[in-house]
Amino acid sequence: MTGTTAKALLYELLLEPLRGCKGLTLYRQNLMRRVMAMPDLEVRERLDHLEQLHHFSDVLFPAVTRRGC
C-alpha cells in the first residue's frame, strides 16, 4: 500500500463513525490536514492500531451497534 493510499484509508476509517453528522466541515478539513501531514510510518502504525481495535471490539461486543450523532 502506498503512503497516499494508506493516508486516504486512515482518513476514511476515522470519518466512518461521523457519517451522517451535520456541521462538522471544519473538523473534517482539520482531520484531513493532520492525516496528510503525518509521516507514512505513523499512518501505517495508526492503521494497524485501528485494525487491532476493530478486531477486539468485534470479539468483545459482537451485537453492539453504532450510534449516530
Protein backbone atom coordinates (compact mmCIF):
# COMPACT_ATOMS: atom_id res chain seq x y z
CA MET A 1 0.00 0.00 0.00
CA THR A 2 1.40 3.37 -0.95
CA GLY A 3 1.67 6.19 1.56
CA THR A 4 -1.09 8.15 -0.17
CA THR A 5 -3.42 5.14 -0.21
CA ALA A 6 -2.72 4.49 3.47
CA LYS A 7 -3.48 8.12 4.32
CA ALA A 8 -6.76 8.00 2.37
CA LEU A 9 -7.75 4.78 4.15
CA LEU A 10 -6.90 6.20 7.59
CA TYR A 11 -8.92 9.34 6.85
CA GLU A 12 -11.95 7.27 5.75
CA LEU A 13 -11.74 5.00 8.80
CA LEU A 14 -11.57 7.97 11.16
CA LEU A 15 -14.57 9.59 9.48
CA GLU A 16 -16.71 6.43 9.41
CA PRO A 17 -18.28 6.95 12.87
CA LEU A 18 -19.21 10.52 11.87
CA ARG A 19 -21.19 9.62 8.74
CA GLY A 20 -24.46 11.48 8.71
CA CYS A 21 -23.38 14.08 11.28
CA LYS A 22 -24.04 17.65 10.18
CA GLY A 23 -21.90 20.69 10.87
CA LEU A 24 -18.51 19.01 11.04
CA THR A 25 -16.97 20.53 7.92
CA LEU A 26 -14.21 22.35 9.81
CA TYR A 27 -13.39 19.21 11.81
CA ARG A 28 -13.18 17.13 8.62
CA GLN A 29 -10.89 19.67 6.95
CA ASN A 30 -8.63 19.80 10.01
CA LEU A 31 -8.53 16.00 10.18
CA MET A 32 -7.60 15.81 6.50
CA ARG A 33 -4.72 18.27 7.01
CA ARG A 34 -3.45 16.34 10.04
CA VAL A 35 -3.56 12.97 8.29
CA MET A 36 -1.87 14.30 5.15
CA ALA A 37 0.91 15.83 7.28
CA MET A 38 1.67 12.54 9.06
CA PRO A 39 4.76 10.55 8.08
CA ASP A 40 3.94 7.30 6.24
CA LEU A 41 5.24 5.16 9.10
CA GLU A 42 2.92 6.85 11.61
CA VAL A 43 -0.04 6.35 9.27
CA ARG A 44 0.70 2.64 8.96
CA GLU A 45 1.08 2.31 12.75
CA ARG A 46 -2.28 4.01 13.28
CA LEU A 47 -3.92 1.76 10.69
CA ASP A 48 -2.52 -1.29 12.47
CA HIS A 49 -3.82 0.05 15.78
CA LEU A 50 -7.31 0.66 14.34
CA GLU A 51 -7.32 -2.83 12.87
CA GLN A 52 -6.49 -4.31 16.28
CA LEU A 53 -9.19 -2.21 17.97
CA HIS A 54 -11.75 -3.26 15.38
CA HIS A 55 -10.84 -6.92 15.85
CA PHE A 56 -11.09 -6.71 19.64
CA SER A 57 -14.38 -4.78 19.55
CA ASP A 58 -15.88 -7.39 17.21
CA VAL A 59 -14.80 -10.14 19.60
CA LEU A 60 -15.90 -8.37 22.79
CA PHE A 61 -19.05 -6.63 21.54
CA PRO A 62 -20.41 -8.51 18.52
CA ALA A 63 -24.03 -7.39 18.99
CA VAL A 64 -23.40 -3.72 19.77
CA THR A 65 -24.47 -1.36 17.02
CA ARG A 66 -23.01 2.06 16.38
CA ARG A 67 -24.93 5.10 17.47
CA GLY A 68 -25.50 8.11 15.29
CA CYS A 69 -24.87 11.72 16.27
